[in-house]
């Protein structure tokens, strides 16, 4: 899965848009967790 995602944001669309949007939502969730942690630290 990581190999297909390495090709760029448009590559996973071949496997279905739901997969891409799921990855995107996971990335957003992770980003917000990191951002929240930074706000706690600083």
N, C-alpha and C. Protein backbone atom coordinates (compact mmCIF):
# COMPACT_ATOMS: atom_id res chain seq x y z
N UNK A 1 0.84 -1.20 0.00
CA UNK A 1 0.00 0.00 0.00
C UNK A 1 0.87 1.25 0.00
N UNK A 2 1.97 1.22 0.74
CA UNK A 2 2.85 2.39 0.80
C UNK A 2 3.47 2.66 -0.57
N UNK A 3 3.71 1.61 -1.35
CA UNK A 3 4.31 1.81 -2.67
C UNK A 3 3.36 2.58 -3.58
N UNK A 4 2.08 2.25 -3.55
CA UNK A 4 1.11 2.93 -4.40
C UNK A 4 0.92 4.38 -3.93
N UNK A 5 0.99 4.59 -2.62
CA UNK A 5 0.79 5.94 -2.10
C UNK A 5 2.01 6.82 -2.38
N UNK A 6 3.18 6.20 -2.57
CA UNK A 6 4.41 6.94 -2.82
C UNK A 6 4.36 7.64 -4.19
N UNK A 7 3.53 7.13 -5.09
CA UNK A 7 3.47 7.68 -6.45
C UNK A 7 2.84 9.05 -6.51
N UNK A 8 2.21 9.50 -5.44
CA UNK A 8 1.59 10.81 -5.44
C UNK A 8 0.13 10.74 -5.01
N UNK A 9 -0.48 11.89 -4.83
CA UNK A 9 -1.85 11.93 -4.31
C UNK A 9 -2.89 11.40 -5.29
N UNK A 10 -2.55 11.35 -6.58
CA UNK A 10 -3.53 10.92 -7.57
C UNK A 10 -3.42 9.41 -7.86
N UNK A 11 -2.38 8.78 -7.38
CA UNK A 11 -2.17 7.36 -7.67
C UNK A 11 -3.24 6.46 -7.04
N UNK A 12 -3.59 6.65 -5.75
CA UNK A 12 -4.57 5.75 -5.10
C UNK A 12 -5.97 5.85 -5.69
N UNK A 13 -6.25 6.87 -6.52
CA UNK A 13 -7.58 7.00 -7.11
C UNK A 13 -7.89 5.79 -7.99
N UNK A 14 -6.84 5.14 -8.51
CA UNK A 14 -7.05 3.94 -9.31
C UNK A 14 -7.68 2.83 -8.47
N UNK A 15 -7.37 2.80 -7.18
CA UNK A 15 -7.88 1.76 -6.30
C UNK A 15 -9.24 2.15 -5.73
N UNK A 16 -9.67 3.37 -6.00
CA UNK A 16 -10.96 3.82 -5.47
C UNK A 16 -10.80 5.10 -4.68
N UNK A 17 -11.72 6.02 -4.88
CA UNK A 17 -11.62 7.31 -4.20
C UNK A 17 -11.78 7.16 -2.69
N UNK A 18 -12.53 6.15 -2.25
CA UNK A 18 -12.76 5.97 -0.82
C UNK A 18 -11.44 5.71 -0.11
N UNK A 19 -10.54 4.94 -0.75
CA UNK A 19 -9.24 4.65 -0.15
C UNK A 19 -8.45 5.93 0.03
N UNK A 20 -8.46 6.78 -1.02
CA UNK A 20 -7.70 8.03 -0.97
C UNK A 20 -8.24 8.95 0.12
N UNK A 21 -9.56 9.08 0.19
CA UNK A 21 -10.14 9.98 1.18
C UNK A 21 -9.93 9.44 2.59
N UNK A 22 -9.88 8.10 2.72
CA UNK A 22 -9.62 7.52 4.03
C UNK A 22 -8.20 7.85 4.47
N UNK A 23 -7.25 7.74 3.54
CA UNK A 23 -5.87 8.09 3.84
C UNK A 23 -5.77 9.57 4.19
N UNK A 24 -6.50 10.41 3.45
CA UNK A 24 -6.46 11.85 3.68
C UNK A 24 -7.00 12.19 5.06
N UNK A 25 -8.10 11.55 5.45
CA UNK A 25 -8.69 11.81 6.76
C UNK A 25 -7.75 11.34 7.87
N UNK A 26 -7.06 10.21 7.65
CA UNK A 26 -6.10 9.73 8.63
C UNK A 26 -4.96 10.71 8.78
N UNK A 27 -4.50 11.27 7.65
CA UNK A 27 -3.41 12.24 7.68
C UNK A 27 -3.84 13.49 8.44
N UNK A 28 -5.07 13.95 8.18
CA UNK A 28 -5.57 15.14 8.88
C UNK A 28 -5.66 14.88 10.37
N UNK A 29 -6.15 13.71 10.75
CA UNK A 29 -6.29 13.39 12.17
C UNK A 29 -4.91 13.37 12.84
N UNK A 30 -3.94 12.77 12.16
CA UNK A 30 -2.58 12.72 12.70
C UNK A 30 -2.00 14.12 12.82
N UNK A 31 -2.23 14.94 11.79
CA UNK A 31 -1.71 16.31 11.80
C UNK A 31 -2.29 17.10 12.96
N UNK A 32 -3.60 16.97 13.19
CA UNK A 32 -4.23 17.71 14.27
C UNK A 32 -3.74 17.22 15.63
N UNK A 33 -3.45 15.92 15.74
CA UNK A 33 -2.91 15.40 16.99
C UNK A 33 -1.54 16.01 17.26
N UNK A 34 -0.70 16.08 16.22
CA UNK A 34 0.63 16.67 16.38
C UNK A 34 0.51 18.15 16.72
N UNK A 35 -0.41 18.84 16.04
CA UNK A 35 -0.60 20.27 16.29
C UNK A 35 -1.04 20.51 17.73
N UNK A 36 -1.96 19.65 18.20
CA UNK A 36 -2.45 19.78 19.57
C UNK A 36 -1.32 19.55 20.56
N UNK A 37 -0.47 18.57 20.27
CA UNK A 37 0.66 18.28 21.15
C UNK A 37 1.62 19.47 21.20
N UNK A 38 1.81 20.12 20.05
CA UNK A 38 2.69 21.28 20.00
C UNK A 38 2.12 22.42 20.83
N UNK A 39 0.80 22.59 20.81
CA UNK A 39 0.17 23.65 21.60
C UNK A 39 0.34 23.36 23.10
N UNK A 40 0.34 22.08 23.45
CA UNK A 40 0.54 21.72 24.85
C UNK A 40 1.98 22.00 25.27
N UNK A 41 2.93 21.71 24.37
CA UNK A 41 4.34 21.88 24.70
C UNK A 41 4.73 23.35 24.78
N UNK A 42 4.19 24.15 23.87
CA UNK A 42 4.63 25.55 23.80
C UNK A 42 3.54 26.48 24.31
